[in-house]
PDB file of N, CA and C in Angstrom:
ATOM      1  N   MET A   1      64.350 102.856  85.848  1.00  0.00           N
ATOM      2  CA  MET A   1      65.133 103.789  86.703  1.00  0.00           C
ATOM      3  C   MET A   1      66.548 103.927  86.258  1.00  0.00           C
ATOM      4  N   THR A   2      67.088 105.062  86.343  1.00  0.00           N
ATOM      5  CA  THR A   2      68.474 105.288  85.971  1.00  0.00           C
ATOM      6  C   THR A   2      69.327 105.223  87.245  1.00  0.00           C
ATOM      7  N   ALA A   3      70.572 104.869  87.032  1.00  0.00           N
ATOM      8  CA  ALA A   3      71.522 104.794  88.175  1.00  0.00           C
ATOM      9  C   ALA A   3      71.853 106.223  88.631  1.00  0.00           C
ATOM     10  N   LYS A   4      71.946 106.363  89.902  1.00  0.00           N
ATOM     11  CA  LYS A   4      72.273 107.681  90.487  1.00  0.00           C
ATOM     12  C   LYS A   4      73.773 107.979  90.281  1.00  0.00           C
ATOM     13  N   ALA A   5      74.076 109.150  89.785  1.00  0.00           N
ATOM     14  CA  ALA A   5      75.484 109.570  89.586  1.00  0.00           C
ATOM     15  C   ALA A   5      76.148 109.733  90.954  1.00  0.00           C
ATOM     16  N   SER A   6      77.336 109.230  91.071  1.00  0.00           N
ATOM     17  CA  SER A   6      78.111 109.382  92.318  1.00  0.00           C
ATOM     18  C   SER A   6      78.695 110.764  92.382  1.00  0.00           C
ATOM     19  N   LYS A   7      78.510 111.371  93.540  1.00  0.00           N
ATOM     20  CA  LYS A   7      79.076 112.742  93.779  1.00  0.00           C
ATOM     21  C   LYS A   7      80.576 112.722  94.101  1.00  0.00           C
ATOM     22  N   HIS A   8      81.039 111.617  94.657  1.00  0.00           N
ATOM     23  CA  HIS A   8      82.409 111.507  95.116  1.00  0.00           C
ATOM     24  C   HIS A   8      83.109 110.446  94.332  1.00  0.00           C
ATOM     25  N   PRO A   9      84.353 110.662  93.935  1.00  0.00           N
ATOM     26  CA  PRO A   9      85.124 109.629  93.242  1.00  0.00           C
ATOM     27  C   PRO A   9      85.420 108.458  94.188  1.00  0.00           C
ATOM     28  N   ARG A  10      85.544 107.297  93.594  1.00  0.00           N
ATOM     29  CA  ARG A  10      85.824 106.102  94.388  1.00  0.00           C
ATOM     30  C   ARG A  10      87.167 106.179  95.067  1.00  0.00           C
ATOM     31  N   HIS A  11      87.212 105.774  96.332  1.00  0.00           N
ATOM     32  CA  HIS A  11      88.432 105.830  97.123  1.00  0.00           C
ATOM     33  C   HIS A  11      89.400 104.789  96.609  1.00  0.00           C
ATOM     34  N   ILE A  12      90.625 105.131  96.352  1.00  0.00           N
ATOM     35  CA  ILE A  12      91.658 104.190  95.939  1.00  0.00           C
ATOM     36  C   ILE A  12      92.763 104.213  97.020  1.00  0.00           C
ATOM     37  N   PRO A  13      92.919 103.051  97.733  1.00  0.00           N
ATOM     38  CA  PRO A  13      93.885 102.987  98.817  1.00  0.00           C
ATOM     39  C   PRO A  13      95.311 103.286  98.351  1.00  0.00           C
ATOM     40  N   GLN A  14      96.057 104.086  99.076  1.00  0.00           N
ATOM     41  CA  GLN A  14      97.434 104.450  98.768  1.00  0.00           C
ATOM     42  C   GLN A  14      98.346 103.800  99.797  1.00  0.00           C
ATOM     43  N   ARG A  15      99.521 103.428  99.351  1.00  0.00           N
ATOM     44  CA  ARG A  15     100.561 102.849 100.228  1.00  0.00           C
ATOM     45  C   ARG A  15     101.853 103.429  99.867  1.00  0.00           C
ATOM     46  N   THR A  16     102.830 103.426 100.844  1.00  0.00           N
ATOM     47  CA  THR A  16     104.158 103.973 100.600  1.00  0.00           C
ATOM     48  C   THR A  16     105.154 102.856 100.447  1.00  0.00           C
ATOM     49  N   CYS A  17     105.956 102.939  99.394  1.00  0.00           N
ATOM     50  CA  CYS A  17     107.037 102.001  99.182  1.00  0.00           C
ATOM     51  C   CYS A  17     108.085 102.141 100.241  1.00  0.00           C
ATOM     52  N   VAL A  18     108.478 101.029 100.869  1.00  0.00           N
ATOM     53  CA  VAL A  18     109.459 101.096 101.920  1.00  0.00           C
ATOM     54  C   VAL A  18     110.865 101.450 101.372  1.00  0.00           C
ATOM     55  N   GLY A  19     111.096 101.156 100.098  1.00  0.00           N
ATOM     56  CA  GLY A  19     112.426 101.415  99.503  1.00  0.00           C
ATOM     57  C   GLY A  19     112.632 102.836  99.104  1.00  0.00           C
ATOM     58  N   CYS A  20     111.677 103.417  98.339  1.00  0.00           N
ATOM     59  CA  CYS A  20     111.877 104.739  97.788  1.00  0.00           C
ATOM     60  C   CYS A  20     110.991 105.853  98.435  1.00  0.00           C
ATOM     61  N   HIS A  21     110.065 105.407  99.283  1.00  0.00           N
ATOM     62  CA  HIS A  21     109.220 106.278 100.052  1.00  0.00           C
ATOM     63  C   HIS A  21     108.201 107.063  99.222  1.00  0.00           C
ATOM     64  N   SER A  22     107.941 106.580  98.007  1.00  0.00           N
ATOM     65  CA  SER A  22     106.916 107.279  97.151  1.00  0.00           C
ATOM     66  C   SER A  22     105.621 106.562  97.369  1.00  0.00           C
ATOM     67  N   THR A  23     104.516 107.334  97.304  1.00  0.00           N
ATOM     68  CA  THR A  23     103.149 106.834  97.497  1.00  0.00           C
ATOM     69  C   THR A  23     102.567 106.452  96.183  1.00  0.00           C
ATOM     70  N   GLN A  24     101.937 105.261  96.141  1.00  0.00           N
ATOM     71  CA  GLN A  24     101.300 104.775  94.886  1.00  0.00           C
ATOM     72  C   GLN A  24      99.993 104.102  95.330  1.00  0.00           C
ATOM     73  N   GLU A  25      99.254 103.680  94.265  1.00  0.00           N
ATOM     74  CA  GLU A  25      98.060 102.867  94.552  1.00  0.00           C
ATOM     75  C   GLU A  25      98.475 101.509  95.144  1.00  0.00           C
ATOM     76  N   LYS A  26      97.709 101.030  96.088  1.00  0.00           N
ATOM     77  CA  LYS A  26      98.040  99.801  96.742  1.00  0.00           C
ATOM     78  C   LYS A  26      98.249  98.629  95.768  1.00  0.00           C
ATOM     79  N   ARG A  27      97.426  98.585  94.724  1.00  0.00           N
ATOM     80  CA  ARG A  27      97.488  97.493  93.707  1.00  0.00           C
ATOM     81  C   ARG A  27      98.758  97.470  92.926  1.00  0.00           C
ATOM     82  N   SER A  28      99.435  98.629  92.842  1.00  0.00           N
ATOM     83  CA  SER A  28     100.645  98.771  91.993  1.00  0.00           C
ATOM     84  C   SER A  28     101.900  98.343  92.746  1.00  0.00           C
ATOM     85  N   LEU A  29     101.766  97.998  94.046  1.00  0.00           N
ATOM     86  CA  LEU A  29     102.927  97.651  94.852  1.00  0.00           C
ATOM     87  C   LEU A  29     102.784  96.173  95.240  1.00  0.00           C
ATOM     88  N   ILE A  30     103.988  95.611  95.686  1.00  0.00           N
ATOM     89  CA  ILE A  30     103.998  94.221  96.125  1.00  0.00           C
ATOM     90  C   ILE A  30     104.026  94.228  97.673  1.00  0.00           C
ATOM     91  N   ARG A  31     103.200  93.409  98.264  1.00  0.00           N
ATOM     92  CA  ARG A  31     103.140  93.353  99.704  1.00  0.00           C
ATOM     93  C   ARG A  31     103.920  92.192 100.206  1.00  0.00           C
ATOM     94  N   ILE A  32     104.762  92.472 101.217  1.00  0.00           N
ATOM     95  CA  ILE A  32     105.549  91.396 101.903  1.00  0.00           C
ATOM     96  C   ILE A  32     104.966  91.372 103.332  1.00  0.00           C
ATOM     97  N   VAL A  33     104.762  90.165 103.818  1.00  0.00           N
ATOM     98  CA  VAL A  33     104.095  89.951 105.144  1.00  0.00           C
ATOM     99  C   VAL A  33     104.979  89.147 106.048  1.00  0.00           C
ATOM    100  N   TYR A  34     105.043  89.585 107.283  1.00  0.00           N
ATOM    101  CA  TYR A  34     105.640  88.761 108.324  1.00  0.00           C
ATOM    102  C   TYR A  34     104.503  88.252 109.189  1.00  0.00           C
ATOM    103  N   GLY A  35     104.254  86.953 109.139  1.00  0.00           N
ATOM    104  CA  GLY A  35     103.117  86.385 109.816  1.00  0.00           C
ATOM    105  C   GLY A  35     103.526  85.130 110.575  1.00  0.00           C
ATOM    106  N   PRO A  36     102.586  84.277 110.927  1.00  0.00           N
ATOM    107  CA  PRO A  36     102.835  83.036 111.641  1.00  0.00           C
ATOM    108  C   PRO A  36     103.785  82.104 110.891  1.00  0.00           C
ATOM    109  N   GLN A  37     103.780  82.141 109.552  1.00  0.00           N
ATOM    110  CA  GLN A  37     104.611  81.220 108.751  1.00  0.00           C
ATOM    111  C   GLN A  37     105.969  81.878 108.404  1.00  0.00           C
ATOM    112  N   GLY A  38     106.210  83.104 108.871  1.00  0.00           N
ATOM    113  CA  GLY A  38     107.444  83.775 108.580  1.00  0.00           C
ATOM    114  C   GLY A  38     107.229  84.816 107.444  1.00  0.00           C
ATOM    115  N   ILE A  39     108.226  85.061 106.656  1.00  0.00           N
ATOM    116  CA  ILE A  39     108.166  86.035 105.575  1.00  0.00           C
ATOM    117  C   ILE A  39     107.509  85.429 104.378  1.00  0.00           C
ATOM    118  N   LEU A  40     106.477  86.115 103.830  1.00  0.00           N
ATOM    119  CA  LEU A  40     105.770  85.659 102.667  1.00  0.00           C
ATOM    120  C   LEU A  40     105.567  86.829 101.667  1.00  0.00           C
ATOM    121  N   LEU A  41     105.530  86.524 100.417  1.00  0.00           N
ATOM    122  CA  LEU A  41     105.144  87.534  99.405  1.00  0.00           C
ATOM    123  C   LEU A  41     103.627  87.364  99.255  1.00  0.00           C
ATOM    124  N   ASP A  42     102.876  88.438  99.382  1.00  0.00           N
ATOM    125  CA  ASP A  42     101.432  88.374  99.433  1.00  0.00           C
ATOM    126  C   ASP A  42     100.855  89.029  98.153  1.00  0.00           C
ATOM    127  N   PRO A  43     100.584  88.261  97.136  1.00  0.00           N
ATOM    128  CA  PRO A  43     100.037  88.840  95.901  1.00  0.00           C
ATOM    129  C   PRO A  43      98.576  89.276  96.050  1.00  0.00           C
ATOM    130  N   THR A  44      97.847  88.699  97.034  1.00  0.00           N
ATOM    131  CA  THR A  44      96.456  89.052  97.228  1.00  0.00           C
ATOM    132  C   THR A  44      96.264  90.293  98.046  1.00  0.00           C
ATOM    133  N   GLY A  45      97.297  90.632  98.867  1.00  0.00           N
ATOM    134  CA  GLY A  45      97.173  91.814  99.777  1.00  0.00           C
ATOM    135  C   GLY A  45      96.300  91.544 100.955  1.00  0.00           C
ATOM    136  N   LYS A  46      95.970  90.264 101.207  1.00  0.00           N
ATOM    137  CA  LYS A  46      95.006  89.943 102.322  1.00  0.00           C
ATOM    138  C   LYS A  46      95.567  88.945 103.328  1.00  0.00           C
ATOM    139  N   ALA A  47      96.834  88.548 103.214  1.00  0.00           N
ATOM    140  CA  ALA A  47      97.371  87.532 104.122  1.00  0.00           C
ATOM    141  C   ALA A  47      97.490  88.133 105.528  1.00  0.00           C
ATOM    142  N   PRO A  48      97.287  87.316 106.543  1.00  0.00           N
ATOM    143  CA  PRO A  48      97.381  87.818 107.917  1.00  0.00           C
ATOM    144  C   PRO A  48      98.826  88.095 108.301  1.00  0.00           C
ATOM    145  N   GLY A  49      99.051  89.128 109.069  1.00  0.00           N
ATOM    146  CA  GLY A  49     100.393  89.495 109.520  1.00  0.00           C
ATOM    147  C   GLY A  49     100.710  90.945 109.227  1.00  0.00           C
ATOM    148  N   ARG A  50     101.847  91.338 109.680  1.00  0.00           N
ATOM    149  CA  ARG A  50     102.269  92.722 109.456  1.00  0.00           C
ATOM    150  C   ARG A  50     102.861  92.836 108.046  1.00  0.00           C
ATOM    151  N   GLY A  51     102.446  93.819 107.292  1.00  0.00           N
ATOM    152  CA  GLY A  51     102.876  93.972 105.908  1.00  0.00           C
ATOM    153  C   GLY A  51     103.620  95.271 105.603  1.00  0.00           C
ATOM    154  N   ALA A  52     104.368  95.190 104.517  1.00  0.00           N
ATOM    155  CA  ALA A  52     105.098  96.369 104.000  1.00  0.00           C
ATOM    156  C   ALA A  52     105.024  96.278 102.467  1.00  0.00           C
ATOM    157  N   TYR A  53     105.138  97.412 101.797  1.00  0.00           N
ATOM    158  CA  TYR A  53     104.925  97.472 100.358  1.00  0.00           C
ATOM    159  C   TYR A  53     106.193  97.932  99.669  1.00  0.00           C
ATOM    160  N   LEU A  54     106.464  97.305  98.520  1.00  0.00           N
ATOM    161  CA  LEU A  54     107.605  97.660  97.660  1.00  0.00           C
ATOM    162  C   LEU A  54     107.175  97.733  96.165  1.00  0.00           C
ATOM    163  N   HIS A  55     107.864  98.597  95.393  1.00  0.00           N
ATOM    164  CA  HIS A  55     107.670  98.643  93.952  1.00  0.00           C
ATOM    165  C   HIS A  55     108.277  97.368  93.339  1.00  0.00           C
ATOM    166  N   ASN A  56     107.891  97.123  92.107  1.00  0.00           N
ATOM    167  CA  ASN A  56     108.381  95.969  91.351  1.00  0.00           C
ATOM    168  C   ASN A  56     109.664  96.387  90.606  1.00  0.00           C
ATOM    169  N   GLN A  57     110.671  96.858  91.362  1.00  0.00           N
ATOM    170  CA  GLN A  57     111.947  97.215  90.787  1.00  0.00           C
ATOM    171  C   GLN A  57     113.062  96.895  91.806  1.00  0.00           C
ATOM    172  N   ARG A  58     114.153  96.436  91.289  1.00  0.00           N
ATOM    173  CA  ARG A  58     115.210  95.976  92.131  1.00  0.00           C
ATOM    174  C   ARG A  58     115.827  97.031  93.075  1.00  0.00           C
ATOM    175  N   SER A  59     115.863  98.283  92.601  1.00  0.00           N
ATOM    176  CA  SER A  59     116.463  99.336  93.412  1.00  0.00           C
ATOM    177  C   SER A  59     115.705  99.565  94.701  1.00  0.00           C
ATOM    178  N   CYS A  60     114.414  99.482  94.683  1.00  0.00           N
ATOM    179  CA  CYS A  60     113.597  99.645  95.862  1.00  0.00           C
ATOM    180  C   CYS A  60     113.864  98.482  96.841  1.00  0.00           C
ATOM    181  N   TRP A  61     113.987  97.276  96.277  1.00  0.00           N
ATOM    182  CA  TRP A  61     114.223  96.082  97.102  1.00  0.00           C
ATOM    183  C   TRP A  61     115.580  96.161  97.783  1.00  0.00           C
ATOM    184  N   GLN A  62     116.621  96.550  97.026  1.00  0.00           N
ATOM    185  CA  GLN A  62     117.976  96.670  97.576  1.00  0.00           C
ATOM    186  C   GLN A  62     118.021  97.680  98.675  1.00  0.00           C
ATOM    187  N   THR A  63     117.385  98.833  98.455  1.00  0.00           N
ATOM    188  CA  THR A  63     117.345  99.860  99.519  1.00  0.00           C
ATOM    189  C   THR A  63     116.650  99.352 100.777  1.00  0.00           C
ATOM    190  N   ALA A  64     115.491  98.682 100.551  1.00  0.00           N
ATOM    191  CA  ALA A  64     114.698  98.200 101.704  1.00  0.00           C
ATOM    192  C   ALA A  64     115.400  97.151 102.480  1.00  0.00           C
ATOM    193  N   LEU A  65     116.195  96.305 101.789  1.00  0.00           N
ATOM    194  CA  LEU A  65     116.949  95.216 102.506  1.00  0.00           C
ATOM    195  C   LEU A  65     118.022  95.734 103.428  1.00  0.00           C
ATOM    196  N   LYS A  66     118.425  96.996 103.236  1.00  0.00           N
ATOM    197  CA  LYS A  66     119.446  97.543 104.082  1.00  0.00           C
ATOM    198  C   LYS A  66     118.943  97.799 105.497  1.00  0.00           C
ATOM    199  N   GLY A  67     117.631  97.663 105.709  1.00  0.00           N
ATOM    200  CA  GLY A  67     117.114  97.802 107.095  1.00  0.00           C
ATOM    201  C   GLY A  67     115.702  98.351 107.165  1.00  0.00           C
ATOM    202  N   ALA A  68     115.261  99.106 106.138  1.00  0.00           N
ATOM    203  CA  ALA A  68     113.938  99.655 106.191  1.00  0.00           C
ATOM    204  C   ALA A  68     112.839  98.631 106.197  1.00  0.00           C
ATOM    205  N   LEU A  69     113.035  97.539 105.447  1.00  0.00           N
ATOM    206  CA  LEU A  69     112.003  96.490 105.399  1.00  0.00           C
ATOM    207  C   LEU A  69     111.862  95.793 106.722  1.00  0.00           C
ATOM    208  N   ALA A  70     112.972  95.419 107.304  1.00  0.00           N
ATOM    209  CA  ALA A  70     112.942  94.742 108.637  1.00  0.00           C
ATOM    210  C   ALA A  70     112.329  95.665 109.714  1.00  0.00           C
ATOM    211  N   HIS A  71     112.622  96.960 109.614  1.00  0.00           N
ATOM    212  CA  HIS A  71     112.049  97.902 110.547  1.00  0.00           C
ATOM    213  C   HIS A  71     110.566  98.049 110.319  1.00  0.00           C
ATOM    214  N   ALA A  72     110.086  98.101 109.106  1.00  0.00           N
ATOM    215  CA  ALA A  72     108.668  98.221 108.829  1.00  0.00           C
ATOM    216  C   ALA A  72     107.899  96.999 109.258  1.00  0.00           C
ATOM    217  N   LEU A  73     108.519  95.836 109.146  1.00  0.00           N
ATOM    218  CA  LEU A  73     107.839  94.617 109.534  1.00  0.00           C
ATOM    219  C   LEU A  73     108.087  94.290 111.034  1.00  0.00           C
ATOM    220  N   LYS A  74     108.949  95.054 111.689  1.00  0.00           N
ATOM    221  CA  LYS A  74     109.232  94.906 113.107  1.00  0.00           C
ATOM    222  C   LYS A  74     109.771  93.514 113.439  1.00  0.00           C
ATOM    223  N   VAL A  75     110.804  93.126 112.642  1.00  0.00           N
ATOM    224  CA  VAL A  75     111.366  91.791 112.742  1.00  0.00           C
ATOM    225  C   VAL A  75     112.850  91.848 112.408  1.00  0.00           C
ATOM    226  N   GLU A  76     113.634  90.893 112.902  1.00  0.00           N
ATOM    227  CA  GLU A  76     115.020  90.760 112.444  1.00  0.00           C
ATOM    228  C   GLU A  76     114.976  89.576 111.476  1.00  0.00           C
ATOM    229  N   PHE A  77     115.543  89.765 110.259  1.00  0.00           N
ATOM    230  CA  PHE A  77     115.534  88.725 109.258  1.00  0.00           C
ATOM    231  C   PHE A  77     116.511  87.648 109.587  1.00  0.00           C
ATOM    232  N   THR A  78     116.149  86.400 109.380  1.00  0.00           N
ATOM    233  CA  THR A  78     117.044  85.291 109.487  1.00  0.00           C
ATOM    234  C   THR A  78     117.744  85.171 108.110  1.00  0.00           C
ATOM    235  N   GLU A  79     118.737  84.369 108.033  1.00  0.00           N
ATOM    236  CA  GLU A  79     119.419  84.153 106.733  1.00  0.00           C
ATOM    237  C   GLU A  79     118.453  83.588 105.669  1.00  0.00           C
ATOM    238  N   GLN A  80     117.556  82.706 106.152  1.00  0.00           N
ATOM    239  CA  GLN A  80     116.593  82.082 105.276  1.00  0.00           C
ATOM    240  C   GLN A  80     115.610  83.143 104.744  1.00  0.00           C
ATOM    241  N   ASP A  81     115.166  84.044 105.618  1.00  0.00           N
ATOM    242  CA  ASP A  81     114.271  85.139 105.153  1.00  0.00           C
ATOM    243  C   ASP A  81     114.949  86.028 104.142  1.00  0.00           C
ATOM    244  N   ARG A  82     116.191  86.402 104.437  1.00  0.00           N
ATOM    245  CA  ARG A  82     116.948  87.278 103.548  1.00  0.00           C
ATOM    246  C   ARG A  82     117.189  86.565 102.190  1.00  0.00           C
ATOM    247  N   ALA A  83     117.461  85.259 102.196  1.00  0.00           N
ATOM    248  CA  ALA A  83     117.685  84.513 100.953  1.00  0.00           C
ATOM    249  C   ALA A  83     116.366  84.465 100.131  1.00  0.00           C
ATOM    250  N   LEU A  84     115.226  84.295 100.778  1.00  0.00           N
ATOM    251  CA  LEU A  84     113.987  84.279 100.074  1.00  0.00           C
ATOM    252  C   LEU A  84     113.698  85.643  99.374  1.00  0.00           C
ATOM    253  N   ILE A  85     113.932  86.690 100.091  1.00  0.00           N
ATOM    254  CA  ILE A  85     113.756  88.044  99.541  1.00  0.00           C
ATOM    255  C   ILE A  85     114.741  88.340  98.402  1.00  0.00           C
ATOM    256  N   GLN A  86     115.988  87.957  98.542  1.00  0.00           N
ATOM    257  CA  GLN A  86     116.953  88.172  97.543  1.00  0.00           C
ATOM    258  C   GLN A  86     116.678  87.336  96.268  1.00  0.00           C
ATOM    259  N   GLU A  87     116.189  86.115  96.464  1.00  0.00           N
ATOM    260  CA  GLU A  87     115.807  85.305  95.345  1.00  0.00           C
ATOM    261  C   GLU A  87     114.686  85.944  94.521  1.00  0.00           C
ATOM    262  N   TYR A  88     113.659  86.466  95.217  1.00  0.00           N
ATOM    263  CA  TYR A  88     112.595  87.133  94.527  1.00  0.00           C
ATOM    264  C   TYR A  88     113.100  88.392  93.902  1.00  0.00           C
ATOM    265  N   MET A  89     113.956  89.112  94.566  1.00  0.00           N
ATOM    266  CA  MET A  89     114.498  90.365  93.992  1.00  0.00           C
ATOM    267  C   MET A  89     115.257  90.177  92.696  1.00  0.00           C
ATOM    268  N   GLN A  90     115.942  89.007  92.577  1.00  0.00           N
ATOM    269  CA  GLN A  90     116.646  88.771  91.323  1.00  0.00           C
ATOM    270  C   GLN A  90     115.828  88.726  90.122  1.00  0.00           C
ATOM    271  N   ARG A  91     114.522  88.465  90.275  1.00  0.00           N
ATOM    272  CA  ARG A  91     113.585  88.467  89.130  1.00  0.00           C
ATOM    273  C   ARG A  91     113.060  89.827  88.777  1.00  0.00           C
ATOM    274  N   MET A  92     113.396  90.800  89.570  1.00  0.00           N
ATOM    275  CA  MET A  92     112.925  92.180  89.327  1.00  0.00           C
ATOM    276  C   MET A  92     113.643  92.833  88.179  1.00  0.00           C
ATOM    277  N   PRO A  93     113.022  93.790  87.531  1.00  0.00           N
ATOM    278  CA  PRO A  93     113.764  94.551  86.499  1.00  0.00           C
ATOM    279  C   PRO A  93     114.751  95.456  87.200  1.00  0.00           C
ATOM    280  N   GLU A  94     115.929  95.586  86.589  1.00  0.00           N
ATOM    281  CA  GLU A  94     116.994  96.488  87.184  1.00  0.00           C
ATOM    282  C   GLU A  94     116.626  97.957  86.990  1.00  0.00           C
ATOM    283  N   GLU A  95     116.059  98.301  85.889  1.00  0.00           N
ATOM    284  CA  GLU A  95     115.728  99.728  85.594  1.00  0.00           C
ATOM    285  C   GLU A  95     114.483 100.133  86.375  1.00  0.00           C
ATOM    286  N   SER A  96     114.431 101.374  86.651  1.00  0.00           N
ATOM    287  CA  SER A  96     113.241 101.876  87.295  1.00  0.00           C
ATOM    288  C   SER A  96     112.169 102.170  86.240  1.00  0.00           C
ATOM    289  N   PRO A  97     111.000 101.512  86.407  1.00  0.00           N
ATOM    290  CA  PRO A  97     109.956 101.844  85.457  1.00  0.00           C
ATOM    291  C   PRO A  97     109.414 103.265  85.740  1.00  0.00           C
ATOM    292  N   ASP A  98     108.862 103.891  84.756  1.00  0.00           N
ATOM    293  CA  ASP A  98     108.278 105.209  84.884  1.00  0.00           C
ATOM    294  C   ASP A  98     107.020 105.097  85.700  1.00  0.00           C
ATOM    295  N   LEU A  99     107.118 105.434  87.013  1.00  0.00           N
ATOM    296  CA  LEU A  99     106.031 105.280  87.925  1.00  0.00           C
ATOM    297  C   LEU A  99     104.851 106.160  87.685  1.00  0.00           C
ATOM    298  N   SER A 100     105.067 107.211  86.896  1.00  0.00           N
ATOM    299  CA  SER A 100     103.917 108.102  86.561  1.00  0.00           C
ATOM    300  C   SER A 100     103.103 107.575  85.418  1.00  0.00           C
ATOM    301  N   ASN A 101     103.629 106.611  84.689  1.00  0.00           N
ATOM    302  CA  ASN A 101     102.940 106.008  83.546  1.00  0.00           C
ATOM    303  C   ASN A 101     102.374 104.683  83.915  1.00  0.00           C
ATOM    304  N   PRO A 102     101.023 104.555  84.037  1.00  0.00           N
ATOM    305  CA  PRO A 102     100.368 103.350  84.487  1.00  0.00           C
ATOM    306  C   PRO A 102     100.664 102.133  83.606  1.00  0.00           C
ATOM    307  N   SER A 103     101.017 102.330  82.351  1.00  0.00           N
ATOM    308  CA  SER A 103     101.235 101.165  81.472  1.00  0.00           C
ATOM    309  C   SER A 103     102.556 100.495  81.782  1.00  0.00           C
ATOM    310  N   THR A 104     103.457 101.056  82.574  1.00  0.00           N
ATOM    311  CA  THR A 104     104.727 100.461  82.930  1.00  0.00           C
ATOM    312  C   THR A 104     104.709  99.775  84.268  1.00  0.00           C
ATOM    313  N   ARG A 105     103.627  99.819  84.938  1.00  0.00           N
ATOM    314  CA  ARG A 105     103.481  99.179  86.275  1.00  0.00           C
ATOM    315  C   ARG A 105     103.174  97.773  86.216  1.00  0.00           C
TER     316      ARG A 105
END
């Protein structure tokens, strides 16, 4: 027997970056979660809690820290939360990668 050809393309979940408001594939963004343990970076995308998505670039994180990230997570950041996010942000590339080119994500 041969495999039946799919009539519909496979669904790829899309998410919006809190920093720049552009929509990308869920896998190309970084999820931040506010859950029972506080603020966490969620590389699996499956941690419990309210999540928000950001690109892997410092400009999106800087913009999001001005208030959009806290608003999306429906929480007020403590100094410890803000320090955790800023520490992670310092490891981000400063330049904006070409988001239309999948090889730069």
